Amino acid sequence: MLTKKQLDLLEFINKRVQRDGVPPSFDEMKEALDLRSKSGIHRLITALEERGFIRRLAHRARAIEVVKLPESLGGTAGGFAPKLIDGDKPDTRPTGAAPLQHVPAVELPVMGRIAAGVPIAAISEVSHNVAVPTSMMRDGGEHYALEVKGDSMIEAGINNGDVVVIRETQTAENGDIVVALIEDQEATLKRFFRRGSAIALEAANPAYETRVFPEDKVKVQGRLVGLIRSY
């Protein structure tokens, strides 16, 4: 059972996805629901995700996908049964069933930690390797991984302790989540926006302010293409 605010937000997101192909920004959601802060939207998004109506995808510029709708918004009754996972349950596939598919993966170096919060020292050395599905690297190019420290990108689905997969590049489009090197000394993970001759590095957490630097003080070191989380 959804609250009215949760239902209103889900309807707004779904209509925008149907119309534009991408979900609305947090600012647009806040205005549509007449809320005072984005933290209220974050709580609604979390509730919708926990109930299985949406999914957040960290490797997309606007990381929300509508998974299902309630009947009041055109969903199908009984079409969304909860999925139960029992880690101790034996394999009950019928005899002769196709084997589980192996997911191709490669080893990437984890180049230390990257700040999703206050910038930390620039990354300089490999700490260990991590297995990454090749599907995350379908665009080719060189890749590396970083362990996230901090919570400033939490509304993009990136949590403290996650490992992010980065494609090496020195260019970025507005809205991309990038590894940015500030004044050749500090590295941080933020959304990239160009504002005239300045670069804005925007957090995905209302507790952190957007930081703006002269263009020559920021170097893009890579763009986020995937995320790995351990439970």
Protein backbone atom coordinates (compact mmCIF):
# COMPACT_ATOMS: atom_id res chain seq x y z
CA MET A 1 0.00 0.00 0.00
CA LEU A 2 1.50 3.31 -1.08
CA THR A 3 0.96 6.66 0.59
CA LYS A 4 -0.50 9.46 -1.52
CA LYS A 5 2.90 11.17 -1.82
CA GLN A 6 4.56 7.91 -2.87
CA LEU A 7 1.84 7.29 -5.44
CA ASP A 8 2.05 10.87 -6.75
CA LEU A 9 5.83 10.60 -7.15
CA LEU A 10 5.63 7.23 -8.90
CA GLU A 11 3.01 8.59 -11.30
CA PHE A 12 5.12 11.69 -12.03
CA ILE A 13 8.27 9.62 -12.68
CA ASN A 14 6.40 7.19 -14.93
CA LYS A 15 4.80 9.96 -17.00
CA ARG A 16 8.14 11.68 -17.53
CA VAL A 17 9.82 8.42 -18.53
CA GLN A 18 7.03 7.71 -21.01
CA ARG A 19 7.25 11.25 -22.42
CA ASP A 20 11.00 11.95 -22.42
CA GLY A 21 12.63 8.53 -22.13
CA VAL A 22 14.43 9.60 -18.93
CA PRO A 23 13.15 10.20 -15.38
CA PRO A 24 12.90 13.71 -13.92
CA SER A 25 15.64 15.26 -11.81
CA PHE A 26 15.34 15.46 -8.03
CA ASP A 27 14.67 19.20 -8.33
CA GLU A 28 11.82 18.55 -10.75
CA MET A 29 10.36 15.92 -8.41
CA LYS A 30 10.61 18.31 -5.47
CA GLU A 31 8.75 21.02 -7.38
CA ALA A 32 6.10 18.62 -8.71
CA LEU A 33 5.27 17.36 -5.20
CA ASP A 34 5.64 20.82 -3.63
CA LEU A 35 8.25 19.64 -1.11
CA ARG A 36 10.69 21.95 0.60
CA SER A 37 13.83 19.83 0.21
CA LYS A 38 15.28 17.00 -1.85
CA SER A 39 15.71 14.94 1.32
CA GLY A 40 11.93 14.38 1.29
CA ILE A 41 12.18 13.10 -2.28
CA HIS A 42 15.04 10.81 -1.25
CA ARG A 43 12.84 9.24 1.45
CA LEU A 44 10.01 8.69 -1.03
CA ILE A 45 12.38 7.20 -3.61
CA THR A 46 13.80 4.83 -0.98
CA ALA A 47 10.29 3.73 0.02
CA LEU A 48 9.31 3.07 -3.61
CA GLU A 49 12.52 1.10 -4.16
CA GLU A 50 11.98 -1.00 -1.03
CA ARG A 51 8.48 -1.86 -2.26
CA GLY A 52 9.81 -2.91 -5.65
CA PHE A 53 8.18 -0.20 -7.77
CA ILE A 54 11.41 1.42 -8.96
CA ARG A 55 15.08 0.51 -9.29
CA ARG A 56 18.05 2.85 -8.96
CA LEU A 57 20.92 2.29 -11.41
CA ALA A 58 24.15 4.03 -10.51
CA HIS A 59 25.74 3.81 -13.96
CA ARG A 60 23.11 6.04 -15.59
CA ALA A 61 22.95 9.81 -15.58
CA ARG A 62 19.44 9.74 -14.07
CA ALA A 63 19.46 6.49 -12.17
CA ILE A 64 15.78 5.59 -11.73
CA GLU A 65 13.89 2.88 -13.60
CA VAL A 66 10.18 2.13 -13.15
CA VAL A 67 9.84 -1.62 -12.50
CA LYS A 68 6.09 -1.93 -11.95
CA LEU A 69 2.95 0.11 -11.33
CA PRO A 70 0.03 -0.39 -8.93
CA GLU A 71 -3.43 -1.07 -10.40
CA SER A 72 -4.45 2.56 -9.82
CA LEU A 73 -1.75 3.62 -12.30
CA GLY A 74 -2.46 0.91 -14.85
CA GLY A 75 -0.51 -1.99 -13.36
CA THR A 76 -1.73 -5.57 -13.64
CA ALA A 77 -3.29 -7.17 -10.56
CA GLY A 78 -1.32 -10.14 -9.29
CA GLY A 79 1.42 -9.63 -11.82
CA PHE A 80 4.15 -8.82 -9.33
CA ALA A 81 4.66 -11.56 -6.77
CA PRO A 82 7.51 -11.03 -4.30
CA LYS A 83 10.64 -13.04 -4.97
CA LEU A 84 12.06 -15.06 -2.07
CA ILE A 85 15.73 -15.95 -1.92
CA ASP A 86 16.79 -18.92 0.22
CA GLY A 87 20.54 -19.27 0.31
CA ASP A 88 20.37 -22.82 1.75
CA LYS A 89 17.90 -24.21 -0.75
CA PRO A 90 19.43 -26.92 -3.00
CA ASP A 91 19.37 -26.73 -6.78
CA THR A 92 15.94 -28.04 -7.84
CA ARG A 93 16.29 -27.56 -11.58
CA PRO A 94 14.90 -30.49 -13.59
CA THR A 95 17.30 -33.15 -14.80
CA GLY A 96 18.75 -32.13 -18.14
CA ALA A 97 18.10 -28.43 -17.59
CA ALA A 98 20.60 -26.04 -19.13
CA PRO A 99 23.50 -25.20 -16.78
CA LEU A 100 23.77 -21.78 -15.21
CA GLN A 101 25.41 -19.35 -17.59
CA HIS A 102 28.94 -18.20 -16.83
CA VAL A 103 29.26 -14.43 -16.85
CA PRO A 104 32.50 -13.33 -18.59
CA ALA A 105 34.64 -11.15 -16.33
CA VAL A 106 38.05 -9.53 -16.29
CA GLU A 107 40.33 -8.45 -13.46
CA LEU A 108 40.63 -4.70 -12.99
CA PRO A 109 43.04 -2.90 -10.66
CA VAL A 110 41.41 -1.12 -7.71
CA MET A 111 43.32 2.17 -7.59
CA GLY A 112 42.68 2.92 -3.91
CA ARG A 113 39.78 5.01 -2.65
CA ILE A 114 37.85 7.87 -4.23
CA ALA A 115 35.97 10.42 -2.15
CA ALA A 116 32.22 10.77 -2.53
CA GLY A 117 32.23 13.67 -0.12
CA VAL A 118 35.11 15.95 0.81
CA PRO A 119 37.94 15.31 -1.70
CA ILE A 120 40.78 13.08 -0.52
CA ALA A 121 44.33 12.63 -1.81
CA ALA A 122 44.63 11.82 -5.50
CA ILE A 123 44.73 8.14 -6.36
CA SER A 124 48.22 6.88 -7.05
CA GLU A 125 48.65 3.12 -6.61
CA VAL A 126 46.90 -0.23 -7.00
CA SER A 127 45.57 -1.75 -3.78
CA HIS A 128 44.14 -5.01 -5.21
CA ASN A 129 42.20 -6.41 -8.19
CA VAL A 130 38.48 -7.02 -8.62
CA ALA A 131 36.54 -9.20 -11.09
CA VAL A 132 34.27 -7.06 -13.30
CA PRO A 133 31.69 -8.32 -15.85
CA THR A 134 32.80 -7.50 -19.37
CA SER A 135 29.33 -6.07 -20.08
CA MET A 136 30.34 -3.01 -18.04
CA MET A 137 33.14 -2.37 -20.52
CA ARG A 138 31.25 -2.80 -23.77
CA ASP A 139 32.36 0.62 -25.06
CA GLY A 140 36.02 -0.42 -25.06
CA GLY A 141 38.94 1.63 -23.79
CA GLU A 142 40.97 1.35 -20.60
CA HIS A 143 39.16 0.83 -17.29
CA TYR A 144 40.00 0.77 -13.60
CA ALA A 145 38.10 0.47 -10.33
CA LEU A 146 37.90 2.59 -7.18
CA GLU A 147 36.50 2.02 -3.72
CA VAL A 148 34.04 4.74 -2.70
CA LYS A 149 34.53 6.61 0.56
CA GLY A 150 31.70 8.88 1.74
CA ASP A 151 28.01 9.41 1.07
CA SER A 152 27.76 12.44 -1.20
CA MET A 153 26.58 10.32 -4.17
CA ILE A 154 24.03 8.29 -2.24
CA GLU A 155 21.04 9.61 -4.22
CA ALA A 156 22.69 8.23 -7.37
CA GLY A 157 22.72 4.82 -5.69
CA ILE A 158 26.43 4.96 -4.80
CA ASN A 159 27.12 4.06 -1.18
CA ASN A 160 30.16 4.17 1.08
CA GLY A 161 32.23 1.03 0.44
CA ASP A 162 30.94 0.39 -3.10
CA VAL A 163 33.43 -0.28 -5.89
CA VAL A 164 32.90 1.85 -8.99
CA VAL A 165 34.12 0.91 -12.47
CA ILE A 166 35.63 3.84 -14.36
CA ARG A 167 36.37 4.18 -18.07
CA GLU A 168 39.42 6.33 -18.65
CA THR A 169 38.59 9.55 -20.51
CA GLN A 170 39.50 13.22 -20.33
CA THR A 171 36.12 14.47 -21.55
CA ALA A 172 32.61 14.37 -20.10
CA GLU A 173 29.06 15.42 -20.93
CA ASN A 174 26.90 17.43 -18.57
CA GLY A 175 25.36 15.08 -16.00
CA ASP A 176 28.05 12.39 -16.26
CA ILE A 177 29.41 11.01 -13.00
CA VAL A 178 33.17 11.42 -13.26
CA VAL A 179 36.43 11.10 -11.40
CA ALA A 180 37.62 14.70 -11.20
CA LEU A 181 41.15 15.71 -10.27
CA ILE A 182 41.16 19.11 -8.57
CA GLU A 183 44.29 21.26 -8.86
CA ASP A 184 46.35 18.11 -9.55
CA GLN A 185 46.08 17.16 -5.88
CA GLU A 186 42.63 15.93 -4.90
CA ALA A 187 40.31 13.42 -6.52
CA THR A 188 36.56 13.15 -6.08
CA LEU A 189 33.56 11.37 -7.61
CA LYS A 190 30.85 13.84 -8.66
CA ARG A 191 28.43 14.81 -11.42
CA PHE A 192 30.08 17.02 -14.04
CA PHE A 193 28.54 20.23 -15.37
CA ARG A 194 30.14 22.88 -17.54
CA ARG A 195 29.12 26.45 -16.72
CA GLY A 196 30.75 28.77 -19.21
CA SER A 197 34.46 28.82 -18.35
CA ALA A 198 33.88 27.05 -15.02
CA ILE A 199 33.29 23.44 -13.98
CA ALA A 200 30.66 22.52 -11.38
CA LEU A 201 31.07 19.29 -9.43
CA GLU A 202 27.66 18.36 -8.05
CA ALA A 203 26.94 15.89 -5.26
CA ALA A 204 23.89 13.60 -5.21
CA ASN A 205 23.13 14.37 -1.58
CA PRO A 206 21.45 17.60 -0.40
CA ALA A 207 23.86 17.75 2.55
CA TYR A 208 26.72 18.66 0.19
CA GLU A 209 27.02 21.89 -1.76
CA THR A 210 27.94 22.02 -5.44
CA ARG A 211 31.57 23.09 -5.83
CA VAL A 212 32.57 25.34 -8.75
CA PHE A 213 36.13 25.69 -10.05
CA PRO A 214 37.84 27.48 -12.93
CA GLU A 215 38.03 25.22 -15.96
CA ASP A 216 41.83 24.88 -15.74
CA LYS A 217 41.65 23.62 -12.14
CA VAL A 218 39.65 20.46 -12.93
CA LYS A 219 40.79 17.48 -15.00
CA VAL A 220 38.44 14.62 -15.85
CA GLN A 221 40.17 11.31 -15.16
CA GLY A 222 37.35 8.96 -16.11
CA ARG A 223 33.60 8.37 -16.34
CA LEU A 224 31.48 5.99 -14.25
CA VAL A 225 30.28 2.95 -16.21
CA GLY A 226 29.43 0.45 -13.48
CA LEU A 227 29.17 -0.36 -9.80
CA ILE A 228 29.93 -3.44 -7.70
CA ARG A 229 28.42 -3.89 -4.22
CA SER A 230 29.16 -6.55 -1.62
CA TYR A 231 26.60 -7.58 0.98
